[in-house]
N, C-alpha and C. Protein backbone atom coordinates (compact mmCIF):
# COMPACT_ATOMS: atom_id res chain seq x y z
N MET A 1 8.38 4.64 -14.20
CA MET A 1 7.51 5.78 -14.06
C MET A 1 7.58 6.26 -12.61
N LYS A 2 7.75 7.54 -12.42
CA LYS A 2 7.85 8.11 -11.09
C LYS A 2 6.52 8.73 -10.71
N LYS A 3 5.99 8.33 -9.57
CA LYS A 3 4.75 8.89 -9.05
C LYS A 3 5.00 9.36 -7.64
N SER A 4 4.36 10.42 -7.27
CA SER A 4 4.51 10.90 -5.90
C SER A 4 3.13 11.08 -5.29
N PHE A 5 3.12 11.20 -3.99
CA PHE A 5 1.85 11.40 -3.29
C PHE A 5 2.05 12.40 -2.18
N ASN A 6 0.99 13.08 -1.85
CA ASN A 6 1.05 14.10 -0.80
C ASN A 6 0.03 13.85 0.30
N SER A 7 -0.69 12.74 0.22
CA SER A 7 -1.68 12.42 1.24
C SER A 7 -1.84 10.91 1.33
N ILE A 8 -2.41 10.46 2.42
CA ILE A 8 -2.65 9.03 2.60
C ILE A 8 -3.60 8.51 1.52
N GLU A 9 -4.55 9.33 1.11
CA GLU A 9 -5.49 8.92 0.07
C GLU A 9 -4.78 8.65 -1.24
N GLU A 10 -3.82 9.50 -1.60
CA GLU A 10 -3.05 9.31 -2.83
C GLU A 10 -2.17 8.05 -2.72
N LEU A 11 -1.60 7.81 -1.55
CA LEU A 11 -0.80 6.61 -1.35
C LEU A 11 -1.66 5.36 -1.50
N VAL A 12 -2.84 5.39 -0.90
CA VAL A 12 -3.76 4.25 -1.00
C VAL A 12 -4.11 3.99 -2.47
N THR A 13 -4.38 5.04 -3.21
CA THR A 13 -4.71 4.90 -4.63
C THR A 13 -3.55 4.27 -5.39
N LEU A 14 -2.33 4.72 -5.15
CA LEU A 14 -1.16 4.16 -5.83
C LEU A 14 -0.98 2.68 -5.50
N ILE A 15 -1.12 2.32 -4.24
CA ILE A 15 -0.95 0.92 -3.84
C ILE A 15 -2.04 0.05 -4.45
N THR A 16 -3.28 0.53 -4.39
CA THR A 16 -4.41 -0.23 -4.94
C THR A 16 -4.27 -0.43 -6.44
N GLU A 17 -3.90 0.65 -7.15
CA GLU A 17 -3.71 0.55 -8.61
C GLU A 17 -2.61 -0.45 -8.95
N ARG A 18 -1.51 -0.40 -8.22
CA ARG A 18 -0.39 -1.30 -8.49
C ARG A 18 -0.79 -2.76 -8.22
N ARG A 19 -1.50 -2.98 -7.14
CA ARG A 19 -1.96 -4.34 -6.81
C ARG A 19 -2.84 -4.88 -7.93
N LYS A 20 -3.75 -4.06 -8.42
CA LYS A 20 -4.65 -4.48 -9.49
C LYS A 20 -3.91 -4.68 -10.80
N GLU A 21 -2.93 -3.81 -11.10
CA GLU A 21 -2.09 -3.96 -12.30
C GLU A 21 -1.44 -5.33 -12.34
N LEU A 22 -1.00 -5.79 -11.19
CA LEU A 22 -0.30 -7.07 -11.09
C LEU A 22 -1.26 -8.25 -10.99
N GLY A 23 -2.55 -7.96 -10.90
CA GLY A 23 -3.55 -9.03 -10.81
C GLY A 23 -3.54 -9.75 -9.47
N ILE A 24 -3.17 -9.04 -8.43
CA ILE A 24 -3.10 -9.62 -7.09
C ILE A 24 -4.35 -9.20 -6.31
N SER A 25 -5.03 -10.18 -5.74
CA SER A 25 -6.21 -9.88 -4.93
C SER A 25 -5.78 -9.37 -3.55
N GLN A 26 -6.73 -8.80 -2.83
CA GLN A 26 -6.44 -8.36 -1.47
C GLN A 26 -6.02 -9.55 -0.61
N THR A 27 -6.66 -10.67 -0.81
CA THR A 27 -6.34 -11.89 -0.05
C THR A 27 -4.91 -12.33 -0.34
N GLU A 28 -4.54 -12.33 -1.61
CA GLU A 28 -3.17 -12.73 -1.98
C GLU A 28 -2.14 -11.76 -1.40
N LEU A 29 -2.43 -10.45 -1.49
CA LEU A 29 -1.50 -9.45 -0.95
C LEU A 29 -1.33 -9.66 0.55
N ALA A 30 -2.43 -9.90 1.24
CA ALA A 30 -2.37 -10.13 2.69
C ALA A 30 -1.48 -11.33 3.01
N LYS A 31 -1.66 -12.42 2.27
CA LYS A 31 -0.84 -13.62 2.51
C LYS A 31 0.63 -13.36 2.21
N LEU A 32 0.90 -12.70 1.09
CA LEU A 32 2.29 -12.43 0.69
C LEU A 32 3.01 -11.51 1.68
N CYS A 33 2.25 -10.63 2.32
CA CYS A 33 2.84 -9.65 3.24
C CYS A 33 2.68 -10.05 4.71
N ASP A 34 2.06 -11.21 4.94
CA ASP A 34 1.79 -11.67 6.30
C ASP A 34 0.95 -10.63 7.06
N LEU A 35 -0.11 -10.18 6.41
CA LEU A 35 -1.04 -9.20 6.98
C LEU A 35 -2.44 -9.79 6.93
N SER A 36 -3.37 -9.13 7.60
CA SER A 36 -4.76 -9.62 7.57
C SER A 36 -5.48 -9.07 6.34
N VAL A 37 -6.37 -9.88 5.80
CA VAL A 37 -7.19 -9.45 4.66
C VAL A 37 -8.05 -8.27 5.10
N ASN A 38 -8.56 -8.34 6.30
CA ASN A 38 -9.39 -7.26 6.83
C ASN A 38 -8.61 -5.94 6.87
N GLY A 39 -7.36 -6.01 7.28
CA GLY A 39 -6.52 -4.81 7.33
C GLY A 39 -6.29 -4.21 5.95
N ILE A 40 -6.01 -5.06 4.96
CA ILE A 40 -5.82 -4.59 3.58
C ILE A 40 -7.10 -3.96 3.07
N SER A 41 -8.22 -4.63 3.31
CA SER A 41 -9.51 -4.14 2.85
C SER A 41 -9.84 -2.78 3.46
N LYS A 42 -9.64 -2.65 4.76
CA LYS A 42 -9.92 -1.37 5.43
C LYS A 42 -8.99 -0.28 4.93
N PHE A 43 -7.73 -0.63 4.71
CA PHE A 43 -6.77 0.35 4.23
C PHE A 43 -7.16 0.87 2.85
N GLU A 44 -7.60 -0.03 1.97
CA GLU A 44 -7.94 0.36 0.61
C GLU A 44 -9.30 1.06 0.50
N SER A 45 -10.13 0.88 1.49
CA SER A 45 -11.44 1.55 1.48
C SER A 45 -11.39 2.71 2.46
N ASN A 46 -12.48 3.38 2.60
CA ASN A 46 -12.54 4.47 3.57
C ASN A 46 -13.01 3.98 4.93
N ALA A 47 -13.20 2.69 5.07
CA ALA A 47 -13.69 2.13 6.33
C ALA A 47 -12.54 1.97 7.32
N GLY A 48 -12.69 2.51 8.47
CA GLY A 48 -11.70 2.27 9.53
C GLY A 48 -10.43 3.08 9.40
N ASP A 49 -9.46 2.63 10.13
CA ASP A 49 -8.18 3.31 10.27
C ASP A 49 -7.32 3.13 9.03
N ARG A 50 -6.78 4.21 8.52
CA ARG A 50 -5.92 4.14 7.33
C ARG A 50 -4.47 4.37 7.68
N GLU A 51 -4.15 4.39 8.94
CA GLU A 51 -2.75 4.54 9.32
C GLU A 51 -2.01 3.26 8.97
N LEU A 52 -0.77 3.43 8.60
CA LEU A 52 0.02 2.29 8.15
C LEU A 52 1.40 2.38 8.78
N LYS A 53 1.82 1.30 9.41
CA LYS A 53 3.17 1.26 9.96
C LYS A 53 4.17 1.30 8.81
N LEU A 54 5.29 1.91 9.05
CA LEU A 54 6.33 1.96 8.03
C LEU A 54 6.79 0.56 7.66
N SER A 55 6.88 -0.33 8.63
CA SER A 55 7.29 -1.71 8.35
C SER A 55 6.28 -2.41 7.43
N THR A 56 4.99 -2.12 7.61
CA THR A 56 3.95 -2.68 6.75
C THR A 56 4.06 -2.12 5.34
N LEU A 57 4.32 -0.83 5.24
CA LEU A 57 4.48 -0.20 3.94
C LEU A 57 5.66 -0.81 3.19
N PHE A 58 6.74 -1.13 3.89
CA PHE A 58 7.89 -1.76 3.25
C PHE A 58 7.57 -3.17 2.78
N LYS A 59 6.75 -3.91 3.54
CA LYS A 59 6.32 -5.25 3.10
C LYS A 59 5.51 -5.15 1.81
N ILE A 60 4.57 -4.22 1.79
CA ILE A 60 3.73 -4.03 0.61
C ILE A 60 4.58 -3.58 -0.58
N ARG A 61 5.49 -2.67 -0.33
CA ARG A 61 6.38 -2.17 -1.38
C ARG A 61 7.18 -3.30 -2.01
N GLN A 62 7.73 -4.15 -1.18
CA GLN A 62 8.54 -5.26 -1.69
C GLN A 62 7.67 -6.23 -2.50
N THR A 63 6.50 -6.53 -2.00
CA THR A 63 5.61 -7.48 -2.66
C THR A 63 5.11 -6.94 -3.99
N LEU A 64 4.78 -5.66 -4.04
CA LEU A 64 4.23 -5.07 -5.26
C LEU A 64 5.32 -4.54 -6.20
N GLY A 65 6.56 -4.61 -5.75
CA GLY A 65 7.68 -4.28 -6.61
C GLY A 65 7.82 -2.82 -6.98
N PHE A 66 7.70 -1.96 -5.97
CA PHE A 66 7.98 -0.56 -6.26
C PHE A 66 9.01 -0.02 -5.29
N LYS A 67 9.61 1.06 -5.68
CA LYS A 67 10.65 1.71 -4.90
C LYS A 67 9.99 2.81 -4.06
N LEU A 68 10.40 2.92 -2.84
CA LEU A 68 9.85 3.94 -1.95
C LEU A 68 10.95 4.92 -1.59
N LEU A 69 10.75 6.15 -1.93
CA LEU A 69 11.69 7.22 -1.57
C LEU A 69 10.99 8.18 -0.61
N ILE A 70 11.67 8.52 0.44
CA ILE A 70 11.10 9.46 1.40
C ILE A 70 11.96 10.71 1.37
N GLU A 71 11.33 11.81 1.12
CA GLU A 71 12.04 13.08 1.02
C GLU A 71 11.57 13.99 2.13
N LEU A 72 12.50 14.53 2.87
CA LEU A 72 12.17 15.46 3.95
C LEU A 72 12.46 16.89 3.51
N GLU A 73 11.54 17.76 3.82
CA GLU A 73 11.73 19.16 3.47
C GLU A 73 11.99 19.96 4.73
N GLU A 74 12.81 20.96 4.60
CA GLU A 74 13.08 21.82 5.76
C GLU A 74 12.29 23.09 5.65
């Protein structure tokens, strides 16, 4: 299934839904990605900074088993 996003909020929703689909807790995701639980929690909620390093996004992508395509428009 192909899904796209146009905002950080949509990306957060896609990541959160996928994590829950797989039955992975925030704590488990943090451990699998070598990230902090607090960081995952803040990212998935509206609390705090929602910016995400590209390297972190790739860790999450690999762990949750989805493909990430980046398309640039001119």
